[in-house]
N, C-alpha and C. Protein backbone atom coordinates (compact mmCIF):
# COMPACT_ATOMS: atom_id res chain seq x y z
N MET A 1 22.55 32.25 65.63
CA MET A 1 21.67 31.89 64.55
C MET A 1 22.07 32.60 63.28
N ASN A 2 21.93 31.92 62.22
CA ASN A 2 22.26 32.48 60.92
C ASN A 2 21.02 33.15 60.33
N ASN A 3 21.11 34.45 60.09
CA ASN A 3 19.97 35.19 59.55
C ASN A 3 19.97 35.21 58.03
N LYS A 4 20.91 34.53 57.45
CA LYS A 4 21.02 34.49 56.00
C LYS A 4 19.84 33.70 55.42
N LYS A 5 19.20 34.28 54.43
CA LYS A 5 18.07 33.58 53.81
C LYS A 5 18.60 32.71 52.67
N SER A 6 18.09 31.53 52.61
CA SER A 6 18.47 30.67 51.48
C SER A 6 17.42 30.81 50.39
N SER A 7 17.82 30.51 49.19
CA SER A 7 16.90 30.59 48.07
C SER A 7 15.83 29.52 48.21
N PRO A 8 14.62 29.87 47.92
CA PRO A 8 13.58 28.84 47.98
C PRO A 8 13.86 27.78 46.92
N PRO A 9 13.51 26.54 47.20
CA PRO A 9 13.78 25.45 46.26
C PRO A 9 13.15 25.67 44.90
N THR A 10 12.06 26.41 44.83
CA THR A 10 11.40 26.61 43.54
C THR A 10 12.23 27.44 42.58
N ARG A 11 13.17 28.21 43.07
CA ARG A 11 14.01 29.02 42.18
C ARG A 11 14.95 28.15 41.37
N ARG A 12 15.28 26.98 41.83
CA ARG A 12 16.17 26.09 41.09
C ARG A 12 15.42 25.29 40.04
N ARG A 13 14.16 25.08 40.24
CA ARG A 13 13.39 24.26 39.32
C ARG A 13 13.34 24.84 37.91
N PRO A 14 13.15 26.15 37.73
CA PRO A 14 13.15 26.65 36.35
C PRO A 14 14.47 26.35 35.64
N THR A 15 15.58 26.42 36.35
CA THR A 15 16.86 26.11 35.73
C THR A 15 16.89 24.66 35.29
N ARG A 16 16.45 23.77 36.15
CA ARG A 16 16.40 22.35 35.79
C ARG A 16 15.47 22.12 34.61
N ALA A 17 14.34 22.82 34.61
CA ALA A 17 13.38 22.67 33.51
C ALA A 17 13.99 23.15 32.20
N LEU A 18 14.73 24.26 32.26
CA LEU A 18 15.38 24.76 31.05
C LEU A 18 16.44 23.79 30.55
N VAL A 19 17.20 23.22 31.45
CA VAL A 19 18.21 22.23 31.06
C VAL A 19 17.54 21.02 30.43
N ALA A 20 16.46 20.55 31.03
CA ALA A 20 15.75 19.39 30.48
C ALA A 20 15.17 19.71 29.11
N ALA A 21 14.59 20.90 28.95
CA ALA A 21 14.03 21.29 27.66
C ALA A 21 15.12 21.40 26.61
N ALA A 22 16.26 21.95 26.97
CA ALA A 22 17.37 22.06 26.03
C ALA A 22 17.88 20.69 25.63
N ALA A 23 17.95 19.77 26.59
CA ALA A 23 18.42 18.42 26.28
C ALA A 23 17.50 17.74 25.29
N VAL A 24 16.20 17.91 25.44
CA VAL A 24 15.25 17.31 24.51
C VAL A 24 15.35 17.98 23.15
N THR A 25 15.46 19.32 23.14
CA THR A 25 15.53 20.06 21.89
C THR A 25 16.77 19.72 21.09
N PHE A 26 17.91 19.59 21.75
CA PHE A 26 19.15 19.37 21.05
C PHE A 26 19.61 17.91 21.05
N ALA A 27 18.76 17.00 21.46
CA ALA A 27 19.12 15.58 21.46
C ALA A 27 19.34 15.12 20.03
N PRO A 28 20.23 14.14 19.84
CA PRO A 28 20.46 13.65 18.49
C PRO A 28 19.19 13.08 17.88
N VAL A 29 18.98 13.40 16.62
CA VAL A 29 17.85 12.89 15.87
C VAL A 29 18.42 12.04 14.75
N THR A 30 17.86 10.88 14.53
CA THR A 30 18.40 10.02 13.49
C THR A 30 17.86 10.44 12.14
N ALA A 31 18.66 10.23 11.12
CA ALA A 31 18.24 10.55 9.76
C ALA A 31 17.21 9.53 9.30
N GLN A 32 16.34 9.94 8.41
CA GLN A 32 15.30 9.05 7.93
C GLN A 32 15.64 8.43 6.59
N SER A 33 16.73 8.82 5.96
CA SER A 33 17.12 8.24 4.69
C SER A 33 17.56 6.80 4.88
N GLN A 34 17.41 6.02 3.82
CA GLN A 34 17.87 4.64 3.82
C GLN A 34 18.64 4.41 2.53
N LEU A 35 19.46 3.40 2.53
CA LEU A 35 20.22 3.05 1.35
C LEU A 35 19.26 2.83 0.18
N GLY A 36 19.47 3.56 -0.91
CA GLY A 36 18.62 3.44 -2.08
C GLY A 36 17.45 4.40 -2.12
N SER A 37 17.23 5.14 -1.04
CA SER A 37 16.14 6.12 -1.03
C SER A 37 16.71 7.50 -1.37
N THR A 38 15.85 8.48 -1.42
CA THR A 38 16.34 9.84 -1.63
C THR A 38 16.64 10.45 -0.26
N VAL A 39 17.50 11.45 -0.26
CA VAL A 39 17.92 12.10 0.98
C VAL A 39 16.68 12.66 1.67
N ALA A 40 16.62 12.44 2.98
CA ALA A 40 15.52 12.97 3.78
C ALA A 40 15.51 14.48 3.69
N ASN A 41 14.41 15.08 4.03
CA ASN A 41 14.24 16.52 4.00
C ASN A 41 15.45 17.22 4.62
N PRO A 42 16.12 18.11 3.86
CA PRO A 42 17.30 18.78 4.40
C PRO A 42 17.05 19.49 5.72
N SER A 43 15.84 20.01 5.95
CA SER A 43 15.60 20.69 7.22
C SER A 43 15.64 19.70 8.38
N ALA A 44 15.27 18.44 8.14
CA ALA A 44 15.38 17.43 9.19
C ALA A 44 16.84 17.15 9.50
N HIS A 45 17.69 17.21 8.47
CA HIS A 45 19.11 16.96 8.68
C HIS A 45 19.79 18.11 9.42
N ALA A 46 19.19 19.29 9.40
CA ALA A 46 19.84 20.44 10.03
C ALA A 46 20.11 20.18 11.51
N LEU A 47 19.27 19.41 12.16
CA LEU A 47 19.46 19.14 13.58
C LEU A 47 20.52 18.09 13.85
N VAL A 48 20.78 17.22 12.87
CA VAL A 48 21.68 16.10 13.14
C VAL A 48 23.03 16.24 12.47
N GLN A 49 23.16 17.17 11.56
CA GLN A 49 24.39 17.26 10.80
C GLN A 49 25.57 17.73 11.64
N ALA A 50 26.65 16.99 11.55
CA ALA A 50 27.90 17.49 12.07
C ALA A 50 28.56 18.28 10.95
N SER A 51 28.34 17.81 9.71
CA SER A 51 28.88 18.52 8.56
C SER A 51 28.20 18.03 7.30
N SER A 52 28.35 18.82 6.25
CA SER A 52 27.83 18.47 4.95
C SER A 52 28.81 19.02 3.94
N ALA A 53 29.12 18.24 2.92
CA ALA A 53 30.09 18.70 1.94
C ALA A 53 29.87 18.01 0.61
N ALA A 54 30.26 18.69 -0.46
CA ALA A 54 30.27 18.08 -1.78
C ALA A 54 31.70 17.58 -2.00
N LEU A 55 31.82 16.38 -2.51
CA LEU A 55 33.14 15.85 -2.80
C LEU A 55 33.71 16.57 -4.01
N PRO A 56 35.03 16.56 -4.17
CA PRO A 56 35.69 17.38 -5.19
C PRO A 56 35.09 17.31 -6.59
N ASN A 57 34.67 16.14 -7.06
CA ASN A 57 34.16 16.09 -8.42
C ASN A 57 32.71 16.58 -8.52
N GLY A 58 32.09 16.91 -7.41
CA GLY A 58 30.74 17.45 -7.40
C GLY A 58 29.64 16.44 -7.66
N ALA A 59 29.99 15.19 -7.90
CA ALA A 59 28.99 14.16 -8.19
C ALA A 59 28.36 13.61 -6.92
N VAL A 60 28.98 13.88 -5.77
CA VAL A 60 28.54 13.27 -4.52
C VAL A 60 28.44 14.32 -3.42
N THR A 61 27.40 14.21 -2.62
CA THR A 61 27.25 15.04 -1.42
C THR A 61 27.36 14.12 -0.22
N MET A 62 28.11 14.55 0.79
CA MET A 62 28.25 13.76 2.00
C MET A 62 27.64 14.52 3.16
N ARG A 63 26.84 13.82 3.94
CA ARG A 63 26.31 14.38 5.19
C ARG A 63 26.84 13.51 6.31
N SER A 64 27.31 14.13 7.36
CA SER A 64 27.82 13.40 8.53
C SER A 64 27.00 13.76 9.74
N TYR A 65 26.72 12.77 10.55
CA TYR A 65 26.03 13.01 11.81
C TYR A 65 26.46 11.97 12.82
N VAL A 66 26.18 12.24 14.07
CA VAL A 66 26.51 11.32 15.16
C VAL A 66 25.19 10.78 15.69
N ASP A 67 25.08 9.46 15.74
CA ASP A 67 23.84 8.86 16.23
C ASP A 67 23.79 8.87 17.75
N ALA A 68 22.72 8.36 18.31
CA ALA A 68 22.52 8.39 19.76
C ALA A 68 23.59 7.61 20.51
N GLY A 69 24.22 6.63 19.86
CA GLY A 69 25.26 5.83 20.50
C GLY A 69 26.66 6.43 20.37
N GLY A 70 26.77 7.59 19.71
CA GLY A 70 28.07 8.23 19.55
C GLY A 70 28.83 7.82 18.31
N THR A 71 28.20 7.08 17.42
CA THR A 71 28.86 6.63 16.19
C THR A 71 28.67 7.67 15.09
N THR A 72 29.76 7.99 14.41
CA THR A 72 29.69 8.93 13.29
C THR A 72 29.27 8.17 12.04
N ILE A 73 28.24 8.67 11.40
CA ILE A 73 27.71 8.05 10.18
C ILE A 73 27.84 9.06 9.06
N HIS A 74 28.41 8.62 7.94
CA HIS A 74 28.53 9.45 6.75
C HIS A 74 27.54 8.91 5.72
N GLU A 75 26.70 9.79 5.22
CA GLU A 75 25.71 9.42 4.20
C GLU A 75 26.15 10.04 2.88
N TYR A 76 26.26 9.23 1.84
CA TYR A 76 26.71 9.70 0.53
C TYR A 76 25.54 9.63 -0.45
N ALA A 77 25.30 10.75 -1.14
CA ALA A 77 24.19 10.82 -2.08
C ALA A 77 24.66 11.42 -3.40
N THR A 78 23.99 11.02 -4.47
CA THR A 78 24.27 11.58 -5.79
C THR A 78 23.70 12.99 -5.87
N ARG A 79 23.99 13.69 -6.96
CA ARG A 79 23.44 15.03 -7.16
C ARG A 79 21.92 15.03 -7.16
N THR A 80 21.33 13.91 -7.58
CA THR A 80 19.87 13.81 -7.62
C THR A 80 19.27 13.45 -6.27
N GLY A 81 20.11 13.20 -5.26
CA GLY A 81 19.63 12.91 -3.92
C GLY A 81 19.52 11.44 -3.58
N LEU A 82 19.93 10.54 -4.48
CA LEU A 82 19.88 9.11 -4.21
C LEU A 82 20.99 8.72 -3.23
N VAL A 83 20.62 8.14 -2.10
CA VAL A 83 21.60 7.68 -1.12
C VAL A 83 22.18 6.37 -1.63
N PHE A 84 23.49 6.40 -1.97
CA PHE A 84 24.11 5.20 -2.53
C PHE A 84 25.11 4.55 -1.59
N ALA A 85 25.46 5.21 -0.48
CA ALA A 85 26.43 4.60 0.44
C ALA A 85 26.34 5.22 1.83
N TYR A 86 26.74 4.42 2.80
CA TYR A 86 26.94 4.85 4.18
C TYR A 86 28.27 4.30 4.65
N THR A 87 28.97 5.07 5.47
CA THR A 87 30.12 4.54 6.21
C THR A 87 29.91 4.93 7.66
N TRP A 88 30.49 4.16 8.58
CA TRP A 88 30.34 4.47 10.00
C TRP A 88 31.57 4.05 10.77
N ASP A 89 31.75 4.72 11.91
CA ASP A 89 32.89 4.47 12.78
C ASP A 89 32.53 5.01 14.16
N GLY A 90 32.59 4.15 15.17
CA GLY A 90 32.28 4.65 16.49
C GLY A 90 32.17 3.58 17.55
N PRO A 91 31.75 3.98 18.73
CA PRO A 91 31.72 3.08 19.88
C PRO A 91 30.58 2.07 19.86
N THR A 92 29.56 2.31 19.04
CA THR A 92 28.44 1.37 18.95
C THR A 92 28.13 1.09 17.49
N SER A 93 27.51 -0.03 17.26
CA SER A 93 27.06 -0.35 15.91
C SER A 93 25.84 0.51 15.60
N PRO A 94 25.77 1.11 14.40
CA PRO A 94 24.59 1.91 14.09
C PRO A 94 23.37 1.02 13.90
N ASN A 95 22.21 1.61 13.82
CA ASN A 95 20.99 0.87 13.58
C ASN A 95 20.95 0.49 12.10
N LEU A 96 21.48 -0.68 11.78
CA LEU A 96 21.54 -1.11 10.38
C LEU A 96 20.15 -1.34 9.80
N ARG A 97 19.21 -1.68 10.63
CA ARG A 97 17.83 -1.85 10.14
C ARG A 97 17.35 -0.54 9.52
N LYS A 98 17.66 0.59 10.16
CA LYS A 98 17.26 1.89 9.62
C LYS A 98 18.09 2.27 8.40
N LEU A 99 19.40 2.06 8.46
CA LEU A 99 20.26 2.45 7.35
C LEU A 99 20.01 1.63 6.09
N LEU A 100 19.83 0.32 6.26
CA LEU A 100 19.66 -0.56 5.11
C LEU A 100 18.22 -0.66 4.63
N GLY A 101 17.28 -0.32 5.48
CA GLY A 101 15.88 -0.36 5.08
C GLY A 101 15.45 -1.75 4.64
N GLU A 102 14.87 -1.83 3.46
CA GLU A 102 14.34 -3.10 2.96
C GLU A 102 15.43 -4.14 2.69
N ARG A 103 16.67 -3.73 2.66
CA ARG A 103 17.78 -4.67 2.42
C ARG A 103 18.27 -5.34 3.71
N PHE A 104 17.81 -4.87 4.86
CA PHE A 104 18.29 -5.42 6.12
C PHE A 104 18.04 -6.92 6.27
N PRO A 105 16.85 -7.44 5.96
CA PRO A 105 16.65 -8.89 6.10
C PRO A 105 17.64 -9.72 5.27
N THR A 106 17.97 -9.24 4.07
CA THR A 106 18.96 -9.94 3.24
C THR A 106 20.32 -9.90 3.89
N PHE A 107 20.71 -8.73 4.40
CA PHE A 107 21.98 -8.63 5.11
C PHE A 107 22.01 -9.58 6.28
N GLN A 108 20.96 -9.57 7.07
CA GLN A 108 20.90 -10.39 8.27
C GLN A 108 20.99 -11.88 7.95
N SER A 109 20.33 -12.32 6.91
CA SER A 109 20.32 -13.75 6.59
C SER A 109 21.57 -14.21 5.85
N HIS A 110 22.29 -13.29 5.20
CA HIS A 110 23.47 -13.68 4.42
C HIS A 110 24.80 -13.26 5.03
N ALA A 111 24.77 -12.62 6.18
CA ALA A 111 26.02 -12.13 6.79
C ALA A 111 26.96 -13.29 7.09
N VAL A 112 28.17 -13.16 6.62
CA VAL A 112 29.22 -14.16 6.89
C VAL A 112 30.49 -13.42 7.24
N THR A 113 31.35 -14.04 7.99
CA THR A 113 32.62 -13.40 8.32
C THR A 113 33.54 -13.44 7.11
N THR A 114 34.44 -12.47 7.05
CA THR A 114 35.28 -12.32 5.87
C THR A 114 36.62 -13.05 5.96
N ASP A 115 37.14 -13.26 7.15
CA ASP A 115 38.42 -13.96 7.27
C ASP A 115 38.58 -14.50 8.69
N ALA A 116 39.68 -15.22 8.93
CA ALA A 116 39.90 -15.83 10.24
C ALA A 116 39.98 -14.79 11.35
N HIS A 117 40.63 -13.65 11.06
CA HIS A 117 40.74 -12.60 12.07
C HIS A 117 39.35 -12.06 12.43
N ALA A 118 38.51 -11.88 11.42
CA ALA A 118 37.16 -11.37 11.68
C ALA A 118 36.34 -12.38 12.46
N ARG A 119 36.56 -13.67 12.24
CA ARG A 119 35.80 -14.68 12.97
C ARG A 119 36.08 -14.62 14.47
N ALA A 120 37.22 -14.07 14.86
CA ALA A 120 37.54 -13.93 16.28
C ALA A 120 36.62 -12.90 16.93
N SER A 121 36.06 -12.04 16.12
CA SER A 121 35.12 -11.03 16.62
C SER A 121 33.70 -11.53 16.44
N LEU A 122 32.89 -11.26 17.40
CA LEU A 122 31.49 -11.67 17.30
C LEU A 122 30.68 -10.70 16.46
N HIS A 123 31.29 -9.61 16.04
CA HIS A 123 30.54 -8.56 15.36
C HIS A 123 31.11 -8.27 13.98
N ALA A 124 31.24 -9.28 13.15
CA ALA A 124 31.76 -9.07 11.80
C ALA A 124 30.81 -9.71 10.80
N GLY A 125 30.64 -9.06 9.69
CA GLY A 125 29.80 -9.62 8.65
C GLY A 125 30.05 -8.96 7.32
N ARG A 126 29.81 -9.72 6.28
CA ARG A 126 29.95 -9.18 4.92
C ARG A 126 28.88 -9.83 4.06
N VAL A 127 28.20 -9.00 3.33
CA VAL A 127 27.23 -9.47 2.35
C VAL A 127 27.54 -8.77 1.05
N ALA A 128 27.73 -9.54 0.00
CA ALA A 128 27.99 -8.98 -1.32
C ALA A 128 26.96 -9.56 -2.28
N GLN A 129 25.91 -8.82 -2.51
CA GLN A 129 24.87 -9.18 -3.46
C GLN A 129 25.10 -8.36 -4.73
N SER A 130 24.40 -8.68 -5.79
CA SER A 130 24.59 -7.93 -7.03
C SER A 130 24.12 -6.49 -6.89
N ASP A 131 23.12 -6.25 -6.03
CA ASP A 131 22.57 -4.89 -5.92
C ASP A 131 23.05 -4.11 -4.70
N PHE A 132 23.65 -4.77 -3.70
CA PHE A 132 24.19 -4.03 -2.57
C PHE A 132 25.28 -4.84 -1.86
N VAL A 133 26.17 -4.10 -1.18
CA VAL A 133 27.27 -4.70 -0.42
C VAL A 133 27.30 -4.05 0.96
N VAL A 134 27.50 -4.88 1.98
CA VAL A 134 27.64 -4.38 3.35
C VAL A 134 28.84 -5.06 3.97
N GLU A 135 29.72 -4.27 4.56
CA GLU A 135 30.86 -4.77 5.33
C GLU A 135 30.77 -4.12 6.70
N ALA A 136 30.63 -4.94 7.73
CA ALA A 136 30.49 -4.40 9.08
C ALA A 136 31.32 -5.23 10.04
N GLY A 137 31.95 -4.58 10.98
CA GLY A 137 32.73 -5.32 11.95
C GLY A 137 33.22 -4.45 13.08
N GLY A 138 33.99 -5.06 13.93
CA GLY A 138 34.56 -4.34 15.05
C GLY A 138 34.36 -5.06 16.35
N ARG A 139 34.82 -4.43 17.37
CA ARG A 139 34.68 -4.92 18.73
C ARG A 139 34.00 -3.83 19.56
N MET A 140 33.67 -4.17 20.78
CA MET A 140 33.01 -3.17 21.63
C MET A 140 33.79 -1.86 21.62
N ARG A 141 33.07 -0.78 21.43
CA ARG A 141 33.59 0.58 21.40
C ARG A 141 34.47 0.86 20.19
N ALA A 142 34.43 0.00 19.18
CA ALA A 142 35.24 0.24 17.97
C ALA A 142 34.58 -0.44 16.77
N TYR A 143 33.42 0.06 16.36
CA TYR A 143 32.70 -0.51 15.23
C TYR A 143 32.96 0.31 13.98
N VAL A 144 33.16 -0.37 12.87
CA VAL A 144 33.35 0.29 11.58
C VAL A 144 32.55 -0.47 10.53
N GLY A 145 32.26 0.21 9.46
CA GLY A 145 31.57 -0.48 8.38
C GLY A 145 31.20 0.45 7.26
N ARG A 146 30.67 -0.18 6.22
CA ARG A 146 30.18 0.59 5.09
C ARG A 146 29.16 -0.25 4.34
N ALA A 147 28.26 0.43 3.69
CA ALA A 147 27.23 -0.22 2.88
C ALA A 147 27.06 0.63 1.63
N TRP A 148 26.90 -0.03 0.48
CA TRP A 148 26.74 0.73 -0.75
C TRP A 148 26.00 -0.06 -1.81
N LEU A 149 25.52 0.69 -2.80
CA LEU A 149 24.84 0.13 -3.95
C LEU A 149 25.80 0.22 -5.13
N PRO A 150 26.42 -0.89 -5.56
CA PRO A 150 27.41 -0.83 -6.63
C PRO A 150 26.90 -0.17 -7.91
N GLY A 151 25.67 -0.42 -8.27
CA GLY A 151 25.11 0.15 -9.50
C GLY A 151 24.79 1.63 -9.41
N ALA A 152 24.81 2.20 -8.22
CA ALA A 152 24.46 3.61 -8.06
C ALA A 152 25.66 4.50 -7.78
N VAL A 153 26.84 3.91 -7.61
CA VAL A 153 28.05 4.72 -7.37
C VAL A 153 28.33 5.53 -8.63
N PRO A 154 28.40 6.86 -8.51
CA PRO A 154 28.61 7.71 -9.69
C PRO A 154 29.94 7.40 -10.39
N PRO A 155 29.99 7.58 -11.70
CA PRO A 155 31.23 7.37 -12.44
C PRO A 155 32.34 8.26 -11.87
N GLY A 156 33.53 7.70 -11.78
CA GLY A 156 34.68 8.44 -11.27
C GLY A 156 34.80 8.43 -9.76
N VAL A 157 33.85 7.80 -9.07
CA VAL A 157 33.89 7.71 -7.61
C VAL A 157 34.22 6.28 -7.22
N SER A 158 35.21 6.12 -6.36
CA SER A 158 35.58 4.79 -5.86
C SER A 158 35.03 4.63 -4.45
N ILE A 159 34.44 3.49 -4.17
CA ILE A 159 33.90 3.25 -2.83
C ILE A 159 35.01 3.32 -1.79
N ASP A 160 36.24 3.01 -2.18
CA ASP A 160 37.36 3.08 -1.25
C ASP A 160 37.72 4.51 -0.86
N ASP A 161 37.26 5.48 -1.63
CA ASP A 161 37.51 6.89 -1.29
C ASP A 161 36.53 7.42 -0.25
N LEU A 162 35.47 6.68 -0.01
CA LEU A 162 34.44 7.12 0.93
C LEU A 162 34.82 6.68 2.32
N ARG A 163 35.04 7.60 3.21
CA ARG A 163 35.46 7.29 4.58
C ARG A 163 34.47 7.83 5.55
């Protein structure tokens, strides 16, 4: 007979509880900013930021975070905090309803493919309105896109420089 005592099962439960609590505490939180709004409370971003930086000319601040689907989203804001652009790249399409806010219904109703190659993909769309532009596309596990407000892009900043 083995006289070795095994640990009671209850000793493992606190470890599992701690792991579960840590997972909830450090789970990705989505940003609350939307295109055309002001940047959400910086303390809310502290939990989701992968990085934050001012672009070289100082007119733009970029915040990067990874959403629940693993997609990296870059949020671009002016010095005054106006969110004028988003770019994204990752395995899933971001929640465009959240990113575009009130502009999402227009994007949804006007989305058209940009070229023959894009039409081969079921996930491509482009909307170019006078007040906002959205380019989104990709295939499963490889989604890319960007959305911006042409009238809010600071002088000296090119949308093509935003990655």
